[in-house]
Amino acid sequence: MINKIQEDLKQAMRDKDSTKLNVLRSLKTAITNASLQKGNVNETLTELEILGLIRKQVSQRQDSINAYVSAQRQDLILIETNEIEILSKYLPVDMSDNDLELIIKSAISELYAKSKKDMGNVIKLVVSRANGCVDNKRISKMVGEMLQ
């Protein structure tokens, strides 16, 4: 994944695509910072960790869009939407609600989860089984609904 981002970054430089270049530079910086937090800059992140960083960047841009909607700034909404499209190309296709529900039910029965107290363990198991195909907020919401 890091190699693909690096290649796309070089191509954006060649194409003089400033929007894509800025988005990919920001992503690369986030990856480098996460590597530094793990220990050193040469520490490689797992693909799940990189997907998490990409989802975080998409989420930040979505939050910005929500703020721009209330401020009626269509120009900034368009910029953020384009940036989300660029980042989304690195994310796997989202898992359907039915597939996610099956994974959650399996995790709940496997862990004998009964209440919201067990939510953390269930979420950990579901996240590991979803392989980055689902946003953690969505997992948390569905697990919470199923453990009421």
N, C-alpha and C. Protein backbone atom coordinates (compact mmCIF):
# COMPACT_ATOMS: atom_id res chain seq x y z
N MET A 1 0.84 -1.19 0.00
CA MET A 1 0.00 0.00 0.00
C MET A 1 0.88 1.26 0.00
N ILE A 2 1.93 1.26 0.81
CA ILE A 2 2.81 2.43 0.87
C ILE A 2 3.46 2.67 -0.49
N ASN A 3 3.84 1.59 -1.16
CA ASN A 3 4.45 1.72 -2.48
C ASN A 3 3.48 2.34 -3.48
N LYS A 4 2.22 1.92 -3.42
CA LYS A 4 1.21 2.47 -4.34
C LYS A 4 1.01 3.96 -4.07
N ILE A 5 0.98 4.34 -2.80
CA ILE A 5 0.82 5.75 -2.45
C ILE A 5 2.02 6.55 -2.97
N GLN A 6 3.21 5.99 -2.79
CA GLN A 6 4.43 6.66 -3.26
C GLN A 6 4.42 6.82 -4.78
N GLU A 7 4.02 5.78 -5.50
CA GLU A 7 3.96 5.85 -6.96
C GLU A 7 2.92 6.88 -7.42
N ASP A 8 1.76 6.88 -6.75
CA ASP A 8 0.72 7.85 -7.10
C ASP A 8 1.17 9.27 -6.79
N LEU A 9 1.96 9.43 -5.75
CA LEU A 9 2.50 10.74 -5.39
C LEU A 9 3.44 11.23 -6.50
N LYS A 10 4.30 10.35 -6.99
CA LYS A 10 5.20 10.71 -8.08
C LYS A 10 4.42 11.06 -9.34
N GLN A 11 3.38 10.28 -9.62
CA GLN A 11 2.57 10.54 -10.81
C GLN A 11 1.83 11.88 -10.69
N ALA A 12 1.37 12.21 -9.50
CA ALA A 12 0.70 13.50 -9.29
C ALA A 12 1.67 14.65 -9.53
N MET A 13 2.94 14.44 -9.15
CA MET A 13 3.96 15.46 -9.42
C MET A 13 4.16 15.63 -10.93
N ARG A 14 4.25 14.49 -11.63
CA ARG A 14 4.43 14.55 -13.08
C ARG A 14 3.24 15.22 -13.77
N ASP A 15 2.03 14.90 -13.27
CA ASP A 15 0.81 15.44 -13.87
C ASP A 15 0.50 16.87 -13.41
N LYS A 16 1.29 17.36 -12.44
CA LYS A 16 1.07 18.69 -11.85
C LYS A 16 -0.35 18.81 -11.29
N ASP A 17 -0.82 17.73 -10.68
CA ASP A 17 -2.14 17.68 -10.04
C ASP A 17 -1.97 18.10 -8.58
N SER A 18 -2.13 19.39 -8.33
CA SER A 18 -1.82 19.92 -7.00
C SER A 18 -2.75 19.38 -5.91
N THR A 19 -4.01 19.16 -6.22
CA THR A 19 -4.93 18.64 -5.22
C THR A 19 -4.52 17.24 -4.78
N LYS A 20 -4.31 16.37 -5.75
CA LYS A 20 -3.91 15.00 -5.43
C LYS A 20 -2.56 14.99 -4.73
N LEU A 21 -1.65 15.82 -5.18
CA LEU A 21 -0.33 15.90 -4.58
C LEU A 21 -0.42 16.30 -3.11
N ASN A 22 -1.22 17.31 -2.81
CA ASN A 22 -1.36 17.75 -1.41
C ASN A 22 -2.00 16.68 -0.54
N VAL A 23 -3.02 16.00 -1.08
CA VAL A 23 -3.69 14.95 -0.31
C VAL A 23 -2.73 13.80 -0.01
N LEU A 24 -1.98 13.38 -1.02
CA LEU A 24 -1.06 12.25 -0.84
C LEU A 24 0.12 12.63 0.05
N ARG A 25 0.57 13.86 -0.03
CA ARG A 25 1.63 14.31 0.87
C ARG A 25 1.14 14.30 2.32
N SER A 26 -0.08 14.75 2.50
CA SER A 26 -0.67 14.75 3.84
C SER A 26 -0.79 13.32 4.38
N LEU A 27 -1.22 12.41 3.52
CA LEU A 27 -1.33 11.01 3.92
C LEU A 27 0.03 10.42 4.24
N LYS A 28 1.01 10.71 3.41
CA LYS A 28 2.36 10.19 3.64
C LYS A 28 2.93 10.73 4.95
N THR A 29 2.65 11.98 5.26
CA THR A 29 3.09 12.57 6.52
C THR A 29 2.42 11.87 7.70
N ALA A 30 1.13 11.58 7.57
CA ALA A 30 0.41 10.88 8.64
C ALA A 30 1.02 9.48 8.85
N ILE A 31 1.38 8.81 7.77
CA ILE A 31 1.98 7.48 7.87
C ILE A 31 3.34 7.57 8.56
N THR A 32 4.13 8.57 8.17
CA THR A 32 5.45 8.76 8.78
C THR A 32 5.31 9.06 10.27
N ASN A 33 4.37 9.94 10.62
CA ASN A 33 4.15 10.27 12.03
C ASN A 33 3.72 9.04 12.84
N ALA A 34 2.87 8.22 12.25
CA ALA A 34 2.42 7.00 12.93
C ALA A 34 3.59 6.04 13.12
N SER A 35 4.48 5.98 12.13
CA SER A 35 5.67 5.13 12.25
C SER A 35 6.58 5.63 13.36
N LEU A 36 6.71 6.94 13.46
CA LEU A 36 7.53 7.52 14.53
C LEU A 36 6.94 7.21 15.90
N GLN A 37 5.64 7.23 16.01
CA GLN A 37 5.00 6.93 17.28
C GLN A 37 5.21 5.47 17.68
N LYS A 38 5.36 4.59 16.68
CA LYS A 38 5.62 3.18 16.98
C LYS A 38 7.05 2.94 17.43
N GLY A 39 7.95 3.83 17.10
CA GLY A 39 9.34 3.61 17.49
C GLY A 39 10.32 4.38 16.66
N ASN A 40 10.33 4.15 15.34
CA ASN A 40 11.22 4.93 14.47
C ASN A 40 10.61 5.04 13.08
N VAL A 41 11.22 5.89 12.27
CA VAL A 41 10.66 6.20 10.96
C VAL A 41 10.71 4.98 10.03
N ASN A 42 11.61 4.05 10.29
CA ASN A 42 11.72 2.87 9.43
C ASN A 42 10.74 1.78 9.82
N GLU A 43 10.01 1.98 10.91
CA GLU A 43 9.01 1.01 11.37
C GLU A 43 7.88 0.98 10.34
N THR A 44 7.62 -0.19 9.80
CA THR A 44 6.55 -0.28 8.81
C THR A 44 5.21 -0.52 9.49
N LEU A 45 4.22 0.14 8.98
CA LEU A 45 2.86 -0.03 9.50
C LEU A 45 2.19 -1.17 8.78
N THR A 46 1.27 -1.83 9.46
CA THR A 46 0.50 -2.87 8.80
C THR A 46 -0.52 -2.22 7.87
N GLU A 47 -1.05 -3.00 6.98
CA GLU A 47 -2.04 -2.46 6.05
C GLU A 47 -3.28 -1.98 6.80
N LEU A 48 -3.65 -2.69 7.87
CA LEU A 48 -4.81 -2.25 8.67
C LEU A 48 -4.56 -0.89 9.31
N GLU A 49 -3.33 -0.67 9.78
CA GLU A 49 -3.00 0.63 10.39
C GLU A 49 -3.05 1.74 9.34
N ILE A 50 -2.58 1.44 8.15
CA ILE A 50 -2.62 2.44 7.07
C ILE A 50 -4.07 2.73 6.67
N LEU A 51 -4.88 1.68 6.58
CA LEU A 51 -6.29 1.88 6.26
C LEU A 51 -6.97 2.73 7.33
N GLY A 52 -6.60 2.50 8.59
CA GLY A 52 -7.14 3.31 9.69
C GLY A 52 -6.77 4.78 9.53
N LEU A 53 -5.53 5.04 9.13
CA LEU A 53 -5.10 6.42 8.90
C LEU A 53 -5.87 7.06 7.75
N ILE A 54 -6.09 6.30 6.71
CA ILE A 54 -6.84 6.82 5.56
C ILE A 54 -8.28 7.12 5.97
N ARG A 55 -8.88 6.20 6.71
CA ARG A 55 -10.26 6.43 7.19
C ARG A 55 -10.33 7.65 8.10
N LYS A 56 -9.30 7.85 8.90
CA LYS A 56 -9.26 9.01 9.79
C LYS A 56 -9.21 10.30 8.97
N GLN A 57 -8.41 10.29 7.91
CA GLN A 57 -8.32 11.48 7.06
C GLN A 57 -9.64 11.74 6.33
N VAL A 58 -10.28 10.68 5.88
CA VAL A 58 -11.60 10.84 5.25
C VAL A 58 -12.59 11.42 6.25
N SER A 59 -12.56 10.91 7.47
CA SER A 59 -13.46 11.38 8.52
C SER A 59 -13.22 12.86 8.83
N GLN A 60 -11.96 13.27 8.89
CA GLN A 60 -11.64 14.67 9.14
C GLN A 60 -12.22 15.56 8.04
N ARG A 61 -12.10 15.11 6.82
CA ARG A 61 -12.63 15.90 5.71
C ARG A 61 -14.16 15.92 5.73
N GLN A 62 -14.77 14.82 6.15
CA GLN A 62 -16.23 14.78 6.27
C GLN A 62 -16.70 15.76 7.34
N ASP A 63 -15.95 15.83 8.44
CA ASP A 63 -16.28 16.80 9.50
C ASP A 63 -16.17 18.23 8.96
N SER A 64 -15.15 18.48 8.15
CA SER A 64 -14.99 19.80 7.55
C SER A 64 -16.17 20.12 6.64
N ILE A 65 -16.61 19.14 5.86
CA ILE A 65 -17.75 19.35 4.97
C ILE A 65 -18.98 19.73 5.78
N ASN A 66 -19.20 19.04 6.90
CA ASN A 66 -20.35 19.37 7.76
C ASN A 66 -20.28 20.81 8.25
N ALA A 67 -19.09 21.27 8.59
CA ALA A 67 -18.93 22.66 9.04
C ALA A 67 -19.16 23.63 7.89
N TYR A 68 -18.68 23.27 6.70
CA TYR A 68 -18.84 24.15 5.55
C TYR A 68 -20.29 24.22 5.08
N VAL A 69 -21.04 23.15 5.27
CA VAL A 69 -22.46 23.16 4.90
C VAL A 69 -23.20 24.21 5.73
N SER A 70 -22.93 24.22 7.03
CA SER A 70 -23.61 25.20 7.89
C SER A 70 -23.16 26.63 7.57
N ALA A 71 -21.93 26.77 7.06
CA ALA A 71 -21.43 28.10 6.68
C ALA A 71 -21.75 28.45 5.24
N GLN A 72 -22.40 27.52 4.53
CA GLN A 72 -22.79 27.70 3.13
C GLN A 72 -21.59 28.04 2.24
N ARG A 73 -20.52 27.24 2.39
CA ARG A 73 -19.30 27.43 1.59
C ARG A 73 -19.17 26.31 0.57
N GLN A 74 -19.88 26.45 -0.55
CA GLN A 74 -19.88 25.42 -1.59
C GLN A 74 -18.51 25.19 -2.19
N ASP A 75 -17.70 26.24 -2.29
CA ASP A 75 -16.36 26.09 -2.87
C ASP A 75 -15.49 25.16 -2.02
N LEU A 76 -15.56 25.32 -0.71
CA LEU A 76 -14.77 24.47 0.19
C LEU A 76 -15.34 23.05 0.28
N ILE A 77 -16.65 22.94 0.17
CA ILE A 77 -17.28 21.61 0.16
C ILE A 77 -16.78 20.82 -1.04
N LEU A 78 -16.69 21.47 -2.19
CA LEU A 78 -16.21 20.81 -3.40
C LEU A 78 -14.76 20.34 -3.26
N ILE A 79 -13.92 21.16 -2.67
CA ILE A 79 -12.52 20.79 -2.45
C ILE A 79 -12.42 19.57 -1.55
N GLU A 80 -13.13 19.59 -0.44
CA GLU A 80 -13.08 18.47 0.52
C GLU A 80 -13.66 17.20 -0.11
N THR A 81 -14.70 17.33 -0.91
CA THR A 81 -15.29 16.17 -1.58
C THR A 81 -14.30 15.55 -2.56
N ASN A 82 -13.59 16.39 -3.29
CA ASN A 82 -12.56 15.87 -4.20
C ASN A 82 -11.46 15.14 -3.44
N GLU A 83 -11.07 15.67 -2.31
CA GLU A 83 -10.03 15.04 -1.50
C GLU A 83 -10.51 13.69 -0.95
N ILE A 84 -11.77 13.62 -0.58
CA ILE A 84 -12.33 12.34 -0.11
C ILE A 84 -12.31 11.32 -1.23
N GLU A 85 -12.64 11.74 -2.44
CA GLU A 85 -12.61 10.82 -3.59
C GLU A 85 -11.21 10.28 -3.81
N ILE A 86 -10.20 11.12 -3.69
CA ILE A 86 -8.82 10.68 -3.87
C ILE A 86 -8.45 9.65 -2.82
N LEU A 87 -8.77 9.92 -1.57
CA LEU A 87 -8.44 9.00 -0.47
C LEU A 87 -9.23 7.70 -0.56
N SER A 88 -10.47 7.79 -1.02
CA SER A 88 -11.34 6.62 -1.06
C SER A 88 -10.82 5.55 -2.02
N LYS A 89 -10.01 5.94 -2.97
CA LYS A 89 -9.46 4.97 -3.92
C LYS A 89 -8.52 3.98 -3.24
N TYR A 90 -8.04 4.32 -2.05
CA TYR A 90 -7.12 3.44 -1.32
C TYR A 90 -7.86 2.56 -0.31
N LEU A 91 -9.14 2.79 -0.16
CA LEU A 91 -9.93 2.00 0.79
C LEU A 91 -10.62 0.84 0.08
N PRO A 92 -10.73 -0.30 0.78
CA PRO A 92 -11.47 -1.41 0.18
C PRO A 92 -12.96 -1.09 0.15
N VAL A 93 -13.69 -1.85 -0.65
CA VAL A 93 -15.14 -1.67 -0.73
C VAL A 93 -15.74 -1.99 0.64
N ASP A 94 -16.65 -1.13 1.08
CA ASP A 94 -17.29 -1.34 2.38
C ASP A 94 -18.09 -2.64 2.40
N MET A 95 -18.04 -3.29 3.54
CA MET A 95 -18.78 -4.53 3.74
C MET A 95 -20.27 -4.21 3.89
N SER A 96 -21.10 -5.08 3.39
CA SER A 96 -22.54 -4.85 3.51
C SER A 96 -22.98 -5.00 4.96
N ASP A 97 -24.15 -4.42 5.27
CA ASP A 97 -24.69 -4.52 6.62
C ASP A 97 -24.96 -5.97 7.00
N ASN A 98 -25.44 -6.77 6.05
CA ASN A 98 -25.74 -8.18 6.33
C ASN A 98 -24.48 -8.96 6.70
N ASP A 99 -23.40 -8.74 5.93
CA ASP A 99 -22.15 -9.43 6.21
C ASP A 99 -21.58 -9.00 7.57
N LEU A 100 -21.65 -7.70 7.83
CA LEU A 100 -21.15 -7.19 9.10
C LEU A 100 -21.98 -7.75 10.26
N GLU A 101 -23.28 -7.82 10.07
CA GLU A 101 -24.16 -8.35 11.11
C GLU A 101 -23.81 -9.81 11.43
N LEU A 102 -23.50 -10.59 10.39
CA LEU A 102 -23.11 -11.99 10.61
C LEU A 102 -21.82 -12.08 11.43
N ILE A 103 -20.85 -11.23 11.11
CA ILE A 103 -19.59 -11.23 11.85
C ILE A 103 -19.83 -10.83 13.30
N ILE A 104 -20.66 -9.83 13.52
CA ILE A 104 -20.95 -9.37 14.88
C ILE A 104 -21.67 -10.46 15.67
N LYS A 105 -22.68 -11.08 15.07
CA LYS A 105 -23.41 -12.16 15.77
C LYS A 105 -22.46 -13.30 16.13
N SER A 106 -21.58 -13.64 15.22
CA SER A 106 -20.61 -14.70 15.47
C SER A 106 -19.70 -14.32 16.65
N ALA A 107 -19.23 -13.08 16.66
CA ALA A 107 -18.35 -12.62 17.74
C ALA A 107 -19.08 -12.59 19.08
N ILE A 108 -20.33 -12.15 19.07
CA ILE A 108 -21.12 -12.09 20.31
C ILE A 108 -21.31 -13.49 20.88
N SER A 109 -21.66 -14.44 20.02
CA SER A 109 -21.88 -15.80 20.52
C SER A 109 -20.56 -16.44 20.94
N GLU A 110 -19.49 -16.16 20.23
CA GLU A 110 -18.19 -16.74 20.56
C GLU A 110 -17.67 -16.23 21.90
N LEU A 111 -17.94 -14.95 22.19
CA LEU A 111 -17.47 -14.35 23.44
C LEU A 111 -18.51 -14.39 24.55
N TYR A 112 -19.67 -14.98 24.26
CA TYR A 112 -20.78 -15.04 25.22
C TYR A 112 -21.11 -13.65 25.76
N ALA A 113 -21.12 -12.67 24.87
CA ALA A 113 -21.40 -11.29 25.25
C ALA A 113 -22.89 -11.12 25.53
N LYS A 114 -23.20 -10.45 26.60
CA LYS A 114 -24.60 -10.26 27.00
C LYS A 114 -25.01 -8.79 27.12
N SER A 115 -24.06 -7.91 27.47
CA SER A 115 -24.42 -6.52 27.73
C SER A 115 -23.37 -5.57 27.15
N LYS A 116 -23.61 -4.30 27.36
CA LYS A 116 -22.71 -3.27 26.86
C LYS A 116 -21.33 -3.36 27.51
N LYS A 117 -21.22 -4.03 28.66
CA LYS A 117 -19.92 -4.21 29.30
C LYS A 117 -18.98 -5.01 28.41
N ASP A 118 -19.53 -5.89 27.60
CA ASP A 118 -18.73 -6.76 26.74
C ASP A 118 -18.43 -6.13 25.38
N MET A 119 -18.88 -4.91 25.17
CA MET A 119 -18.80 -4.27 23.87
C MET A 119 -17.36 -4.14 23.37
N GLY A 120 -16.44 -3.76 24.22
CA GLY A 120 -15.04 -3.56 23.82
C GLY A 120 -14.43 -4.82 23.23
N ASN A 121 -14.64 -5.95 23.89
CA ASN A 121 -14.07 -7.21 23.40
C ASN A 121 -14.70 -7.62 22.07
N VAL A 122 -16.00 -7.41 21.95
CA VAL A 122 -16.70 -7.77 20.71
C VAL A 122 -16.18 -6.90 19.57
N ILE A 123 -16.04 -5.60 19.82
CA ILE A 123 -15.57 -4.69 18.79
C ILE A 123 -14.16 -5.08 18.33
N LYS A 124 -13.28 -5.41 19.27
CA LYS A 124 -11.92 -5.83 18.91
C LYS A 124 -11.94 -7.03 17.97
N LEU A 125 -12.76 -8.00 18.31
CA LEU A 125 -12.83 -9.21 17.50
C LEU A 125 -13.41 -8.91 16.11
N VAL A 126 -14.45 -8.09 16.07
CA VAL A 126 -15.08 -7.76 14.79
C VAL A 126 -14.12 -6.96 13.91
N VAL A 127 -13.40 -6.01 14.49
CA VAL A 127 -12.44 -5.21 13.73
C VAL A 127 -11.38 -6.11 13.11
N SER A 128 -10.89 -7.07 13.88
CA SER A 128 -9.86 -7.96 13.34
C SER A 128 -10.40 -8.85 12.23
N ARG A 129 -11.66 -9.23 12.31
CA ARG A 129 -12.26 -10.08 11.28
C ARG A 129 -12.72 -9.31 10.05
N ALA A 130 -12.99 -8.02 10.21
CA ALA A 130 -13.49 -7.21 9.09
C ALA A 130 -12.36 -6.80 8.14
N ASN A 131 -11.13 -6.94 8.57
CA ASN A 131 -9.96 -6.65 7.72
C ASN A 131 -9.99 -5.28 7.07
N GLY A 132 -10.39 -4.26 7.81
CA GLY A 132 -10.35 -2.91 7.28
C GLY A 132 -11.45 -2.55 6.30
N CYS A 133 -12.42 -3.42 6.13
CA CYS A 133 -13.51 -3.17 5.16
C CYS A 133 -14.68 -2.42 5.77
N VAL A 134 -14.58 -2.05 7.03
CA VAL A 134 -15.68 -1.37 7.70
C VAL A 134 -15.11 -0.29 8.61
N ASP A 135 -15.77 0.85 8.63
CA ASP A 135 -15.39 1.93 9.52
C ASP A 135 -15.67 1.52 10.96
N ASN A 136 -14.76 1.83 11.86
CA ASN A 136 -14.91 1.43 13.26
C ASN A 136 -16.15 2.05 13.92
N LYS A 137 -16.52 3.25 13.50
CA LYS A 137 -17.72 3.88 14.06
C LYS A 137 -18.96 3.05 13.72
N ARG A 138 -18.99 2.55 12.49
CA ARG A 138 -20.12 1.72 12.06
C ARG A 138 -20.16 0.42 12.86
N ILE A 139 -19.01 -0.17 13.09
CA ILE A 139 -18.94 -1.40 13.90
C ILE A 139 -19.44 -1.12 15.30
N SER A 140 -18.94 -0.06 15.90
CA SER A 140 -19.33 0.29 17.27
C SER A 140 -20.83 0.52 17.38
N LYS A 141 -21.40 1.21 16.40
CA LYS A 141 -22.84 1.49 16.42
C LYS A 141 -23.65 0.20 16.34
N MET A 142 -23.28 -0.69 15.42
CA MET A 142 -24.04 -1.93 15.24
C MET A 142 -23.88 -2.85 16.45
N VAL A 143 -22.67 -2.93 17.00
CA VAL A 143 -22.46 -3.77 18.19
C VAL A 143 -23.29 -3.23 19.34
N GLY A 144 -23.29 -1.91 19.51
CA GLY A 144 -24.09 -1.29 20.58
C GLY A 144 -25.56 -1.59 20.45
N GLU A 145 -26.06 -1.55 19.21
CA GLU A 145 -27.48 -1.85 18.99
C GLU A 145 -27.80 -3.32 19.28
N MET A 146 -26.86 -4.20 18.97
CA MET A 146 -27.11 -5.62 19.16
C MET A 146 -26.94 -6.07 20.61
N LEU A 147 -26.21 -5.28 21.40
CA LEU A 147 -25.98 -5.66 22.80
C LEU A 147 -26.87 -4.90 23.78
N GLN A 148 -27.93 -4.32 23.33
CA GLN A 148 -28.82 -3.59 24.25
C GLN A 148 -29.60 -4.52 25.12
